[in-house]
């Protein structure tokens, strides 16, 4: 079942080389996958959020209530999907000591030597690298829903994806938004998108006037975002981006 899902996904996602294509090529590719929703492929939004969370942090064991908080899902749903992912060989269950600062209310009476179950990615899974690639590429395509939401809230002149969206942690920001949007509404939209991806997003917002000034003086921070590899989802400013 997992192999069929991976094969099906590979017929729809952008190839790895597409990440570094020009903005014009990116616009064409993005138009072809405008309504992409990865949960339609994997059958469960909770399952997708779990996979995003664990594959983003493959070395880190997480316990069930911590996972529930991070992906903002119901406990029973999380338990069920964790078991499904274990049966698929994507996750594995391990035991570890309870850390005092991470104790839940129902664990207050447990001794420090008591153990609890943790979950971690099974890196021996034959589809480990492919699944990580799928999650990263799907995150790029899912940003189109973010674009639609922001365009309802205000004006978007430029929106680019970089940083962790192109697997480059050295870039200071994952998303650059230029336009005229209420900062609180932008923050709320980003917050909802963070839940879908099960991870934090570093974003930068500038009104167009500020962007124009910074571009003219070759602001170092702005240039670091514009001159790195990126995916351009909206560009109403310059053909040279």
Protein backbone atom coordinates (compact mmCIF):
# COMPACT_ATOMS: atom_id res chain seq x y z
CA UNK A 1 0.00 0.00 0.00
CA UNK A 2 2.84 2.40 0.88
CA UNK A 3 4.70 1.72 -2.37
CA UNK A 4 1.56 2.46 -4.39
CA UNK A 5 1.13 5.76 -2.54
CA UNK A 6 4.74 6.76 -3.20
CA UNK A 7 4.50 5.81 -6.88
CA UNK A 8 1.25 7.77 -7.22
CA UNK A 9 2.79 10.79 -5.54
CA UNK A 10 5.82 10.72 -7.82
CA UNK A 11 3.55 11.20 -10.84
CA UNK A 12 2.20 14.47 -9.40
CA UNK A 13 5.02 16.20 -7.54
CA UNK A 14 7.61 18.52 -8.99
CA UNK A 15 10.95 16.88 -9.74
CA UNK A 16 13.81 17.89 -7.44
CA UNK A 17 15.36 19.96 -10.22
CA UNK A 18 12.23 22.11 -10.34
CA UNK A 19 13.16 23.73 -7.04
CA UNK A 20 15.89 25.71 -8.79
CA UNK A 21 14.01 26.63 -11.96
CA UNK A 22 13.25 30.18 -12.97
CA UNK A 23 10.24 32.03 -11.60
CA UNK A 24 8.48 31.75 -14.97
CA UNK A 25 8.89 27.97 -14.99
CA UNK A 26 7.74 27.79 -11.38
CA UNK A 27 4.56 29.70 -12.23
CA UNK A 28 3.74 27.18 -14.95
CA UNK A 29 4.31 24.21 -12.65
CA UNK A 30 2.35 25.75 -9.84
CA UNK A 31 -0.62 26.32 -12.11
CA UNK A 32 -0.75 22.58 -12.80
CA UNK A 33 -1.09 21.66 -9.12
CA UNK A 34 -3.20 24.56 -7.88
CA UNK A 35 -5.61 22.48 -5.79
CA UNK A 36 -3.13 19.93 -4.49
CA UNK A 37 -3.98 18.52 -1.04
CA UNK A 38 -1.66 15.81 0.17
CA UNK A 39 -4.22 14.37 2.61
CA UNK A 40 -6.18 13.22 -0.44
CA UNK A 41 -3.28 10.90 -1.24
CA UNK A 42 -2.59 9.57 2.25
CA UNK A 43 -6.22 9.49 3.36
CA UNK A 44 -5.95 11.42 6.63
CA UNK A 45 -5.01 14.97 7.57
CA UNK A 46 -3.80 13.76 10.96
CA UNK A 47 -1.58 11.15 9.30
CA UNK A 48 -0.06 13.80 7.03
CA UNK A 49 0.62 16.14 9.95
CA UNK A 50 2.27 13.29 11.84
CA UNK A 51 4.47 12.43 8.89
CA UNK A 52 5.44 16.07 8.46
CA UNK A 53 6.34 16.34 12.13
CA UNK A 54 8.37 13.15 12.41
CA UNK A 55 10.11 13.38 9.04
CA UNK A 56 11.13 16.97 9.77
CA UNK A 57 12.81 15.76 12.97
CA UNK A 58 13.86 12.16 12.20
CA UNK A 59 16.28 11.89 15.14
CA UNK A 60 13.90 13.14 17.81
CA UNK A 61 11.65 10.77 19.82
CA UNK A 62 8.24 12.27 20.65
CA UNK A 63 5.59 11.07 23.08
CA UNK A 64 1.93 10.96 22.23
CA UNK A 65 0.65 13.99 24.15
CA UNK A 66 3.53 16.11 22.92
CA UNK A 67 2.64 15.08 19.36
CA UNK A 68 -1.02 15.89 19.98
CA UNK A 69 -0.15 19.42 21.06
CA UNK A 70 2.21 20.03 18.16
CA UNK A 71 -0.18 19.00 15.40
CA UNK A 72 -3.35 20.26 17.13
CA UNK A 73 -5.30 17.02 16.78
CA UNK A 74 -7.52 14.80 18.93
CA UNK A 75 -5.68 12.32 21.15
CA UNK A 76 -7.62 9.28 19.92
CA UNK A 77 -6.99 10.22 16.30
CA UNK A 78 -3.27 10.66 16.99
CA UNK A 79 -3.03 7.27 18.73
CA UNK A 80 -4.80 5.57 15.84
CA UNK A 81 -2.60 7.13 13.17
CA UNK A 82 0.59 6.48 15.15
CA UNK A 83 -0.33 2.80 15.17
CA UNK A 84 -1.05 2.90 11.43
CA UNK A 85 2.38 4.43 10.74
CA UNK A 86 4.05 1.82 12.93
CA UNK A 87 2.31 -0.96 11.02
CA UNK A 88 3.48 0.62 7.75
CA UNK A 89 7.04 0.61 9.07
CA UNK A 90 7.40 4.40 8.93
CA UNK A 91 7.57 4.90 12.72
CA UNK A 92 8.77 2.72 15.54
CA UNK A 93 7.94 2.66 19.24
CA UNK A 94 10.63 2.94 21.91
CA UNK A 95 10.74 3.35 25.68
CA UNK A 96 12.36 6.22 27.52
CA UNK A 97 12.46 7.90 30.89
CA UNK A 98 9.92 10.57 31.71
CA UNK A 99 11.40 14.07 31.91
CA UNK A 100 9.94 16.07 34.81
CA UNK A 101 9.23 19.13 32.66
CA UNK A 102 7.29 16.98 30.18
CA UNK A 103 5.07 15.13 32.67
CA UNK A 104 1.35 15.16 31.94
CA UNK A 105 -1.26 15.53 34.65
CA UNK A 106 -1.94 11.80 34.66
CA UNK A 107 1.78 11.06 35.15
CA UNK A 108 2.42 13.16 38.27
CA UNK A 109 2.56 10.09 40.52
CA UNK A 110 4.98 8.14 38.32
CA UNK A 111 8.52 7.70 39.59
CA UNK A 112 11.51 9.12 37.78
CA UNK A 113 12.57 5.59 36.92
CA UNK A 114 9.25 4.82 35.25
CA UNK A 115 9.27 4.67 31.50
CA UNK A 116 6.82 5.74 28.84
CA UNK A 117 6.41 5.08 25.16
CA UNK A 118 8.00 7.37 22.60
CA UNK A 119 7.74 7.36 18.83
CA UNK A 120 10.48 8.03 16.30
CA UNK A 121 11.01 7.69 12.57
CA UNK A 122 12.17 4.29 11.41
CA UNK A 123 15.08 5.38 9.24
CA UNK A 124 15.49 1.79 8.08
CA UNK A 125 12.18 2.12 6.25
CA UNK A 126 12.94 1.56 2.53
CA UNK A 127 10.91 4.67 1.64
CA UNK A 128 12.44 6.96 4.27
CA UNK A 129 14.24 9.35 1.87
CA UNK A 130 11.40 9.26 -0.66
CA UNK A 131 8.85 10.16 2.02
CA UNK A 132 10.98 13.05 3.26
CA UNK A 133 11.20 14.32 -0.30
CA UNK A 134 7.44 13.99 -0.75
CA UNK A 135 6.73 15.97 2.42
CA UNK A 136 9.10 18.76 1.42
CA UNK A 137 7.74 19.02 -2.12
CA UNK A 138 4.14 18.84 -0.96
CA UNK A 139 4.84 21.70 1.45
CA UNK A 140 5.87 23.83 -1.52
CA UNK A 141 2.68 23.01 -3.41
CA UNK A 142 0.47 23.44 -0.35
CA UNK A 143 1.65 27.05 -0.13
CA UNK A 144 -0.78 27.85 -2.93
CA UNK A 145 -3.58 27.58 -0.38
CA UNK A 146 -1.69 30.10 1.75
CA UNK A 147 -1.42 32.43 -1.24
CA UNK A 148 -5.18 32.26 -1.82
CA UNK A 149 -5.84 33.03 1.83
CA UNK A 150 -3.50 36.02 1.86
CA UNK A 151 -4.97 37.41 -1.35
CA UNK A 152 -8.37 37.40 0.37
CA UNK A 153 -6.92 39.41 3.25
CA UNK A 154 -5.02 41.98 1.24
CA UNK A 155 -2.65 42.53 -1.68
CA UNK A 156 0.26 40.19 -2.42
CA UNK A 157 2.89 41.61 -4.79
CA UNK A 158 5.60 39.02 -4.19
CA UNK A 159 5.71 35.71 -2.35
CA UNK A 160 8.74 33.45 -2.49
CA UNK A 161 9.63 30.24 -0.69
CA UNK A 162 13.16 29.52 0.40
CA UNK A 163 14.88 28.23 3.55
CA UNK A 164 13.53 24.88 4.68
CA UNK A 165 11.11 24.74 1.75
CA UNK A 166 14.12 24.13 -0.48
CA UNK A 167 16.05 22.20 2.18
CA UNK A 168 18.41 25.08 2.98
CA UNK A 169 18.50 25.79 6.72
CA UNK A 170 21.18 28.45 6.27
CA UNK A 171 18.61 30.95 4.91
CA UNK A 172 17.13 33.15 7.62
CA UNK A 173 13.53 33.12 6.37
CA UNK A 174 11.35 30.42 4.82
CA UNK A 175 8.78 32.77 3.25
CA UNK A 176 9.07 36.36 1.98
CA UNK A 177 5.80 38.25 1.55
CA UNK A 178 5.66 41.69 -0.07
CA UNK A 179 2.41 43.61 -0.36
CA UNK A 180 -0.29 45.24 1.74
CA UNK A 181 -1.70 42.88 4.38
CA UNK A 182 -2.71 43.42 7.97
CA UNK A 183 0.18 41.94 10.01
CA UNK A 184 -2.19 40.23 12.45
CA UNK A 185 -4.14 38.56 9.63
CA UNK A 186 -0.85 37.48 8.06
CA UNK A 187 0.32 35.99 11.34
CA UNK A 188 -2.97 34.12 11.78
CA UNK A 189 -2.76 32.71 8.25
CA UNK A 190 0.82 31.59 8.80
CA UNK A 191 -0.20 30.05 12.13
CA UNK A 192 -2.88 27.94 10.47
CA UNK A 193 -0.41 26.86 7.81
CA UNK A 194 2.08 25.87 10.51
CA UNK A 195 -0.51 23.45 11.88
CA UNK A 196 -0.84 21.84 8.46
CA UNK A 197 2.92 21.40 8.17
CA UNK A 198 3.37 20.52 11.87
CA UNK A 199 6.35 22.86 12.18
CA UNK A 200 7.23 26.50 12.69
CA UNK A 201 7.69 28.77 9.70
CA UNK A 202 10.06 31.72 9.71
CA UNK A 203 8.53 34.42 7.53
CA UNK A 204 9.34 37.98 6.56
CA UNK A 205 6.78 40.62 5.59
CA UNK A 206 7.47 44.01 4.02
CA UNK A 207 5.18 46.65 2.52
CA UNK A 208 6.08 47.29 -1.11
CA UNK A 209 7.56 50.70 -0.33
CA UNK A 210 9.97 49.20 2.20
CA UNK A 211 10.88 46.43 -0.21
CA UNK A 212 11.62 48.96 -2.98
CA UNK A 213 13.89 50.98 -0.71
CA UNK A 214 15.75 47.94 0.58
CA UNK A 215 16.21 46.63 -2.95
CA UNK A 216 17.62 49.97 -4.11
CA UNK A 217 20.22 50.09 -1.32
CA UNK A 218 21.01 46.38 -1.72
CA UNK A 219 19.95 45.56 1.83
CA UNK A 220 22.00 42.53 2.87
CA UNK A 221 19.12 40.62 4.47
CA UNK A 222 16.78 41.12 1.51
CA UNK A 223 19.50 40.20 -0.97
CA UNK A 224 20.19 36.99 0.97
CA UNK A 225 16.58 35.95 0.29
CA UNK A 226 16.41 37.09 -3.34
CA UNK A 227 19.77 35.72 -4.44
CA UNK A 228 19.42 32.22 -3.00
CA UNK A 229 17.55 29.31 -4.58
CA UNK A 230 13.82 29.86 -4.25
CA UNK A 231 10.35 29.07 -5.54
CA UNK A 232 8.36 32.10 -6.70
CA UNK A 233 4.60 31.74 -6.17
CA UNK A 234 3.59 35.37 -6.78
CA UNK A 235 5.57 38.02 -8.63
CA UNK A 236 3.99 41.33 -9.61
CA UNK A 237 7.18 43.32 -9.07
CA UNK A 238 10.04 42.38 -11.38
CA UNK A 239 10.82 39.89 -14.12
CA UNK A 240 14.35 39.62 -12.71
CA UNK A 241 13.36 37.90 -9.47
